[in-house]
Amino acid sequence: MKINANISAIMAERFGHDNLIALATLDGDSPAVRTVDAFYEGGAFYTVTYALSGKMQQISKNPKVAICGDWFTARGTAESMGHILLPENAAIADKLRVAFAEWYANGHTNEADPNTIILRIRLTDGVLFHHGTRYDITI
Protein backbone atom coordinates (compact mmCIF):
# COMPACT_ATOMS: atom_id res chain seq x y z
CA MET A 1 0.00 0.00 0.00
CA LYS A 2 1.11 3.54 -0.63
CA ILE A 3 1.59 5.91 2.28
CA ASN A 4 -1.87 7.22 3.06
CA ALA A 5 -2.99 9.85 5.58
CA ASN A 6 -3.16 7.29 8.41
CA ILE A 7 0.36 5.96 7.79
CA SER A 8 1.69 9.51 7.33
CA ALA A 9 0.25 10.48 10.70
CA ILE A 10 1.81 7.44 12.42
CA MET A 11 5.20 8.13 10.81
CA ALA A 12 5.09 11.82 11.76
CA GLU A 13 4.12 11.02 15.35
CA ARG A 14 6.73 8.31 15.77
CA PHE A 15 9.65 9.77 13.80
CA GLY A 16 8.95 13.51 13.35
CA HIS A 17 11.46 14.35 16.09
CA ASP A 18 14.92 13.15 17.15
CA ASN A 19 15.10 9.36 16.81
CA LEU A 20 17.86 6.83 16.89
CA ILE A 21 17.67 4.56 13.86
CA ALA A 22 19.99 1.91 12.50
CA LEU A 23 21.39 2.82 9.08
CA ALA A 24 22.85 0.00 7.00
CA THR A 25 25.09 0.52 4.00
CA LEU A 26 27.36 -1.72 1.96
CA ASP A 27 31.12 -1.59 2.46
CA GLY A 28 32.15 -3.35 -0.70
CA ASP A 29 30.16 -6.57 -0.46
CA SER A 30 29.94 -6.52 3.35
CA PRO A 31 27.11 -4.86 5.27
CA ALA A 32 27.92 -2.02 7.66
CA VAL A 33 25.45 -0.65 10.20
CA ARG A 34 25.51 2.24 12.65
CA THR A 35 23.08 4.20 14.78
CA VAL A 36 22.26 7.75 13.66
CA ASP A 37 20.01 10.50 14.96
CA ALA A 38 17.31 11.06 12.36
CA PHE A 39 14.19 13.11 11.73
CA TYR A 40 11.34 12.00 9.43
CA GLU A 41 9.33 14.21 7.10
CA GLY A 42 7.38 13.49 3.94
CA GLY A 43 8.72 10.07 2.99
CA ALA A 44 12.35 10.69 3.96
CA PHE A 45 14.63 10.60 6.98
CA TYR A 46 17.18 13.36 7.48
CA THR A 47 20.35 13.42 9.54
CA VAL A 48 23.37 15.67 9.94
CA THR A 49 26.66 13.94 9.23
CA TYR A 50 30.21 14.42 7.99
CA ALA A 51 30.89 14.25 4.26
CA LEU A 52 34.17 12.36 4.75
CA SER A 53 32.72 9.69 7.06
CA GLY A 54 32.82 6.02 6.22
CA LYS A 55 29.06 5.91 5.71
CA MET A 56 29.22 8.71 3.15
CA GLN A 57 32.08 7.00 1.31
CA GLN A 58 29.97 3.82 1.19
CA ILE A 59 26.86 5.73 0.07
CA SER A 60 28.82 7.43 -2.72
CA LYS A 61 29.59 3.95 -4.12
CA ASN A 62 26.13 2.48 -3.50
CA PRO A 63 23.28 4.78 -2.39
CA LYS A 64 20.88 1.93 -1.59
CA VAL A 65 20.48 1.68 2.20
CA ALA A 66 18.29 0.08 4.83
CA ILE A 67 17.06 1.53 8.12
CA CYS A 68 15.23 0.26 11.16
CA GLY A 69 13.94 1.57 14.44
CA ASP A 70 10.89 1.51 16.69
CA TRP A 71 8.88 -1.22 14.93
CA PHE A 72 9.75 0.07 11.46
CA THR A 73 12.10 -1.27 8.79
CA ALA A 74 12.63 0.20 5.36
CA ARG A 75 14.83 0.48 2.33
CA GLY A 76 15.68 3.66 0.52
CA THR A 77 18.13 5.72 -1.43
CA ALA A 78 20.57 7.94 0.45
CA GLU A 79 21.95 11.19 -0.89
CA SER A 80 23.98 14.11 0.34
CA MET A 81 22.07 17.36 0.20
CA GLY A 82 25.35 19.21 0.64
CA HIS A 83 26.52 21.64 3.28
CA ILE A 84 23.97 22.39 5.97
CA LEU A 85 24.27 26.15 5.39
CA LEU A 86 23.40 26.06 1.68
CA PRO A 87 20.44 28.37 1.05
CA GLU A 88 18.41 25.52 -0.47
CA ASN A 89 18.84 23.57 2.79
CA ALA A 90 17.63 26.37 5.07
CA ALA A 91 14.12 25.01 5.71
CA ILE A 92 15.15 21.44 6.54
CA ALA A 93 18.23 22.65 8.46
CA ASP A 94 15.97 24.74 10.70
CA LYS A 95 13.80 21.68 11.39
CA LEU A 96 16.86 19.56 12.15
CA ARG A 97 18.21 22.13 14.61
CA VAL A 98 14.87 22.08 16.45
CA ALA A 99 14.56 18.28 16.35
CA PHE A 100 18.14 17.80 17.56
CA ALA A 101 18.16 20.79 19.96
CA GLU A 102 19.03 18.66 23.00
CA TRP A 103 22.50 17.90 21.67
CA TYR A 104 23.00 19.87 18.44
CA ALA A 105 24.89 22.85 19.86
CA ASN A 106 27.02 20.91 22.36
CA GLY A 107 30.14 21.16 20.19
CA HIS A 108 29.49 17.99 18.21
CA THR A 109 28.15 19.80 15.14
CA ASN A 110 30.31 22.40 13.40
CA GLU A 111 28.15 24.15 10.80
CA ALA A 112 31.12 26.28 9.69
CA ASP A 113 32.88 23.13 8.43
CA PRO A 114 31.95 22.64 4.75
CA ASN A 115 31.95 18.88 5.37
CA THR A 116 28.99 19.13 7.76
CA ILE A 117 26.17 17.99 5.50
CA ILE A 118 22.57 16.86 5.49
CA LEU A 119 21.99 13.26 4.51
CA ARG A 120 18.54 12.47 3.10
CA ILE A 121 17.25 8.92 2.96
CA ARG A 122 14.32 8.74 0.55
CA LEU A 123 12.28 5.69 1.44
CA THR A 124 11.22 3.25 -1.26
CA ASP A 125 9.43 0.58 0.77
CA GLY A 126 9.07 -0.61 4.32
CA VAL A 127 7.13 -2.38 7.02
CA LEU A 128 5.51 -0.44 9.86
CA PHE A 129 3.86 -2.02 12.90
CA HIS A 130 1.36 0.01 14.90
CA HIS A 131 -0.91 -1.33 17.66
CA GLY A 132 -0.85 -4.86 16.29
CA THR A 133 -1.38 -3.87 12.66
CA ARG A 134 1.24 -4.46 9.99
CA TYR A 135 1.50 -1.94 7.16
CA ASP A 136 3.53 -2.96 4.10
CA ILE A 137 4.22 0.37 2.49
CA THR A 138 5.71 1.75 -0.70
CA ILE A 139 6.59 5.32 -1.36
C-alpha atoms as a PDB file:
ATOM      1  CA  MET A   1       0.000   0.000   0.000  1.00  0.00           C
ATOM      2  CA  LYS A   2       1.107   3.542  -0.633  1.00  0.00           C
ATOM      3  CA  ILE A   3       1.593   5.910   2.282  1.00  0.00           C
ATOM      4  CA  ASN A   4      -1.869   7.222   3.060  1.00  0.00           C
ATOM      5  CA  ALA A   5      -2.989   9.848   5.585  1.00  0.00           C
ATOM      6  CA  ASN A   6      -3.159   7.285   8.413  1.00  0.00           C
ATOM      7  CA  ILE A   7       0.362   5.964   7.795  1.00  0.00           C
ATOM      8  CA  SER A   8       1.686   9.509   7.327  1.00  0.00           C
ATOM      9  CA  ALA A   9       0.246  10.483  10.703  1.00  0.00           C
ATOM     10  CA  ILE A  10       1.812   7.442  12.417  1.00  0.00           C
ATOM     11  CA  MET A  11       5.200   8.127  10.813  1.00  0.00           C
ATOM     12  CA  ALA A  12       5.094  11.817  11.762  1.00  0.00           C
ATOM     13  CA  GLU A  13       4.116  11.023  15.349  1.00  0.00           C
ATOM     14  CA  ARG A  14       6.732   8.307  15.769  1.00  0.00           C
ATOM     15  CA  PHE A  15       9.647   9.770  13.804  1.00  0.00           C
ATOM     16  CA  GLY A  16       8.950  13.509  13.350  1.00  0.00           C
ATOM     17  CA  HIS A  17      11.462  14.351  16.088  1.00  0.00           C
ATOM     18  CA  ASP A  18      14.921  13.152  17.152  1.00  0.00           C
ATOM     19  CA  ASN A  19      15.101   9.363  16.811  1.00  0.00           C
ATOM     20  CA  LEU A  20      17.861   6.825  16.886  1.00  0.00           C
ATOM     21  CA  ILE A  21      17.670   4.559  13.859  1.00  0.00           C
ATOM     22  CA  ALA A  22      19.994   1.913  12.496  1.00  0.00           C
ATOM     23  CA  LEU A  23      21.387   2.823   9.080  1.00  0.00           C
ATOM     24  CA  ALA A  24      22.850  -0.005   7.003  1.00  0.00           C
ATOM     25  CA  THR A  25      25.095   0.525   3.996  1.00  0.00           C
ATOM     26  CA  LEU A  26      27.361  -1.720   1.961  1.00  0.00           C
ATOM     27  CA  ASP A  27      31.123  -1.587   2.465  1.00  0.00           C
ATOM     28  CA  GLY A  28      32.147  -3.353  -0.702  1.00  0.00           C
ATOM     29  CA  ASP A  29      30.161  -6.567  -0.456  1.00  0.00           C
ATOM     30  CA  SER A  30      29.943  -6.519   3.349  1.00  0.00           C
ATOM     31  CA  PRO A  31      27.110  -4.862   5.269  1.00  0.00           C
ATOM     32  CA  ALA A  32      27.923  -2.024   7.665  1.00  0.00           C
ATOM     33  CA  VAL A  33      25.453  -0.655  10.202  1.00  0.00           C
ATOM     34  CA  ARG A  34      25.513   2.235  12.649  1.00  0.00           C
ATOM     35  CA  THR A  35      23.078   4.200  14.784  1.00  0.00           C
ATOM     36  CA  VAL A  36      22.263   7.748  13.662  1.00  0.00           C
ATOM     37  CA  ASP A  37      20.012  10.505  14.959  1.00  0.00           C
ATOM     38  CA  ALA A  38      17.313  11.060  12.361  1.00  0.00           C
ATOM     39  CA  PHE A  39      14.189  13.107  11.729  1.00  0.00           C
ATOM     40  CA  TYR A  40      11.336  11.999   9.429  1.00  0.00           C
ATOM     41  CA  GLU A  41       9.329  14.207   7.105  1.00  0.00           C
ATOM     42  CA  GLY A  42       7.382  13.492   3.939  1.00  0.00           C
ATOM     43  CA  GLY A  43       8.720  10.073   2.989  1.00  0.00           C
ATOM     44  CA  ALA A  44      12.346  10.687   3.964  1.00  0.00           C
ATOM     45  CA  PHE A  45      14.631  10.599   6.980  1.00  0.00           C
ATOM     46  CA  TYR A  46      17.184  13.362   7.482  1.00  0.00           C
ATOM     47  CA  THR A  47      20.352  13.421   9.542  1.00  0.00           C
ATOM     48  CA  VAL A  48      23.372  15.671   9.945  1.00  0.00           C
ATOM     49  CA  THR A  49      26.661  13.944   9.231  1.00  0.00           C
ATOM     50  CA  TYR A  50      30.207  14.418   7.995  1.00  0.00           C
ATOM     51  CA  ALA A  51      30.895  14.254   4.261  1.00  0.00           C
ATOM     52  CA  LEU A  52      34.174  12.355   4.752  1.00  0.00           C
ATOM     53  CA  SER A  53      32.723   9.689   7.058  1.00  0.00           C
ATOM     54  CA  GLY A  54      32.818   6.016   6.221  1.00  0.00           C
ATOM     55  CA  LYS A  55      29.063   5.907   5.706  1.00  0.00           C
ATOM     56  CA  MET A  56      29.218   8.706   3.148  1.00  0.00           C
ATOM     57  CA  GLN A  57      32.078   6.998   1.311  1.00  0.00           C
ATOM     58  CA  GLN A  58      29.970   3.823   1.192  1.00  0.00           C
ATOM     59  CA  ILE A  59      26.856   5.733   0.069  1.00  0.00           C
ATOM     60  CA  SER A  60      28.824   7.430  -2.725  1.00  0.00           C
ATOM     61  CA  LYS A  61      29.589   3.948  -4.118  1.00  0.00           C
ATOM     62  CA  ASN A  62      26.125   2.480  -3.505  1.00  0.00           C
ATOM     63  CA  PRO A  63      23.279   4.782  -2.394  1.00  0.00           C
ATOM     64  CA  LYS A  64      20.883   1.926  -1.585  1.00  0.00           C
ATOM     65  CA  VAL A  65      20.480   1.680   2.198  1.00  0.00           C
ATOM     66  CA  ALA A  66      18.286   0.081   4.831  1.00  0.00           C
ATOM     67  CA  ILE A  67      17.065   1.526   8.120  1.00  0.00           C
ATOM     68  CA  CYS A  68      15.233   0.263  11.156  1.00  0.00           C
ATOM     69  CA  GLY A  69      13.940   1.570  14.441  1.00  0.00           C
ATOM     70  CA  ASP A  70      10.889   1.506  16.689  1.00  0.00           C
ATOM     71  CA  TRP A  71       8.878  -1.218  14.930  1.00  0.00           C
ATOM     72  CA  PHE A  72       9.751   0.067  11.462  1.00  0.00           C
ATOM     73  CA  THR A  73      12.097  -1.271   8.791  1.00  0.00           C
ATOM     74  CA  ALA A  74      12.634   0.196   5.363  1.00  0.00           C
ATOM     75  CA  ARG A  75      14.830   0.477   2.331  1.00  0.00           C
ATOM     76  CA  GLY A  76      15.679   3.655   0.522  1.00  0.00           C
ATOM     77  CA  THR A  77      18.129   5.717  -1.428  1.00  0.00           C
ATOM     78  CA  ALA A  78      20.572   7.943   0.452  1.00  0.00           C
ATOM     79  CA  GLU A  79      21.946  11.188  -0.889  1.00  0.00           C
ATOM     80  CA  SER A  80      23.985  14.105   0.340  1.00  0.00           C
ATOM     81  CA  MET A  81      22.073  17.364   0.198  1.00  0.00           C
ATOM     82  CA  GLY A  82      25.353  19.215   0.642  1.00  0.00           C
ATOM     83  CA  HIS A  83      26.519  21.642   3.277  1.00  0.00           C
ATOM     84  CA  ILE A  84      23.970  22.388   5.974  1.00  0.00           C
ATOM     85  CA  LEU A  85      24.268  26.151   5.387  1.00  0.00           C
ATOM     86  CA  LEU A  86      23.404  26.059   1.679  1.00  0.00           C
ATOM     87  CA  PRO A  87      20.442  28.369   1.049  1.00  0.00           C
ATOM     88  CA  GLU A  88      18.411  25.516  -0.466  1.00  0.00           C
ATOM     89  CA  ASN A  89      18.840  23.566   2.788  1.00  0.00           C
ATOM     90  CA  ALA A  90      17.626  26.373   5.074  1.00  0.00           C
ATOM     91  CA  ALA A  91      14.121  25.012   5.707  1.00  0.00           C
ATOM     92  CA  ILE A  92      15.152  21.437   6.538  1.00  0.00           C
ATOM     93  CA  ALA A  93      18.233  22.646   8.457  1.00  0.00           C
ATOM     94  CA  ASP A  94      15.969  24.744  10.705  1.00  0.00           C
ATOM     95  CA  LYS A  95      13.803  21.682  11.385  1.00  0.00           C
ATOM     96  CA  LEU A  96      16.861  19.556  12.153  1.00  0.00           C
ATOM     97  CA  ARG A  97      18.212  22.132  14.609  1.00  0.00           C
ATOM     98  CA  VAL A  98      14.869  22.079  16.449  1.00  0.00           C
ATOM     99  CA  ALA A  99      14.559  18.275  16.350  1.00  0.00           C
ATOM    100  CA  PHE A 100      18.144  17.804  17.562  1.00  0.00           C
ATOM    101  CA  ALA A 101      18.157  20.790  19.960  1.00  0.00           C
ATOM    102  CA  GLU A 102      19.025  18.662  22.998  1.00  0.00           C
ATOM    103  CA  TRP A 103      22.499  17.896  21.666  1.00  0.00           C
ATOM    104  CA  TYR A 104      23.000  19.870  18.444  1.00  0.00           C
ATOM    105  CA  ALA A 105      24.892  22.855  19.862  1.00  0.00           C
ATOM    106  CA  ASN A 106      27.021  20.912  22.359  1.00  0.00           C
ATOM    107  CA  GLY A 107      30.145  21.158  20.186  1.00  0.00           C
ATOM    108  CA  HIS A 108      29.491  17.986  18.212  1.00  0.00           C
ATOM    109  CA  THR A 109      28.151  19.800  15.142  1.00  0.00           C
ATOM    110  CA  ASN A 110      30.308  22.401  13.400  1.00  0.00           C
ATOM    111  CA  GLU A 111      28.151  24.145  10.804  1.00  0.00           C
ATOM    112  CA  ALA A 112      31.117  26.282   9.693  1.00  0.00           C
ATOM    113  CA  ASP A 113      32.875  23.133   8.428  1.00  0.00           C
ATOM    114  CA  PRO A 114      31.951  22.636   4.753  1.00  0.00           C
ATOM    115  CA  ASN A 115      31.953  18.876   5.366  1.00  0.00           C
ATOM    116  CA  THR A 116      28.987  19.134   7.755  1.00  0.00           C
ATOM    117  CA  ILE A 117      26.173  17.987   5.499  1.00  0.00           C
ATOM    118  CA  ILE A 118      22.570  16.862   5.486  1.00  0.00           C
ATOM    119  CA  LEU A 119      21.987  13.258   4.512  1.00  0.00           C
ATOM    120  CA  ARG A 120      18.539  12.472   3.099  1.00  0.00           C
ATOM    121  CA  ILE A 121      17.247   8.919   2.956  1.00  0.00           C
ATOM    122  CA  ARG A 122      14.317   8.737   0.546  1.00  0.00           C
ATOM    123  CA  LEU A 123      12.284   5.692   1.441  1.00  0.00           C
ATOM    124  CA  THR A 124      11.223   3.253  -1.263  1.00  0.00           C
ATOM    125  CA  ASP A 125       9.432   0.582   0.772  1.00  0.00           C
ATOM    126  CA  GLY A 126       9.072  -0.610   4.324  1.00  0.00           C
ATOM    127  CA  VAL A 127       7.128  -2.377   7.025  1.00  0.00           C
ATOM    128  CA  LEU A 128       5.509  -0.438   9.862  1.00  0.00           C
ATOM    129  CA  PHE A 129       3.864  -2.025  12.898  1.00  0.00           C
ATOM    130  CA  HIS A 130       1.364   0.009  14.899  1.00  0.00           C
ATOM    131  CA  HIS A 131      -0.911  -1.327  17.662  1.00  0.00           C
ATOM    132  CA  GLY A 132      -0.852  -4.865  16.288  1.00  0.00           C
ATOM    133  CA  THR A 133      -1.382  -3.865  12.657  1.00  0.00           C
ATOM    134  CA  ARG A 134       1.245  -4.456   9.993  1.00  0.00           C
ATOM    135  CA  TYR A 135       1.496  -1.942   7.164  1.00  0.00           C
ATOM    136  CA  ASP A 136       3.526  -2.960   4.100  1.00  0.00           C
ATOM    137  CA  ILE A 137       4.223   0.367   2.486  1.00  0.00           C
ATOM    138  CA  THR A 138       5.707   1.746  -0.695  1.00  0.00           C
ATOM    139  CA  ILE A 139       6.589   5.316  -1.357  1.00  0.00           C
END
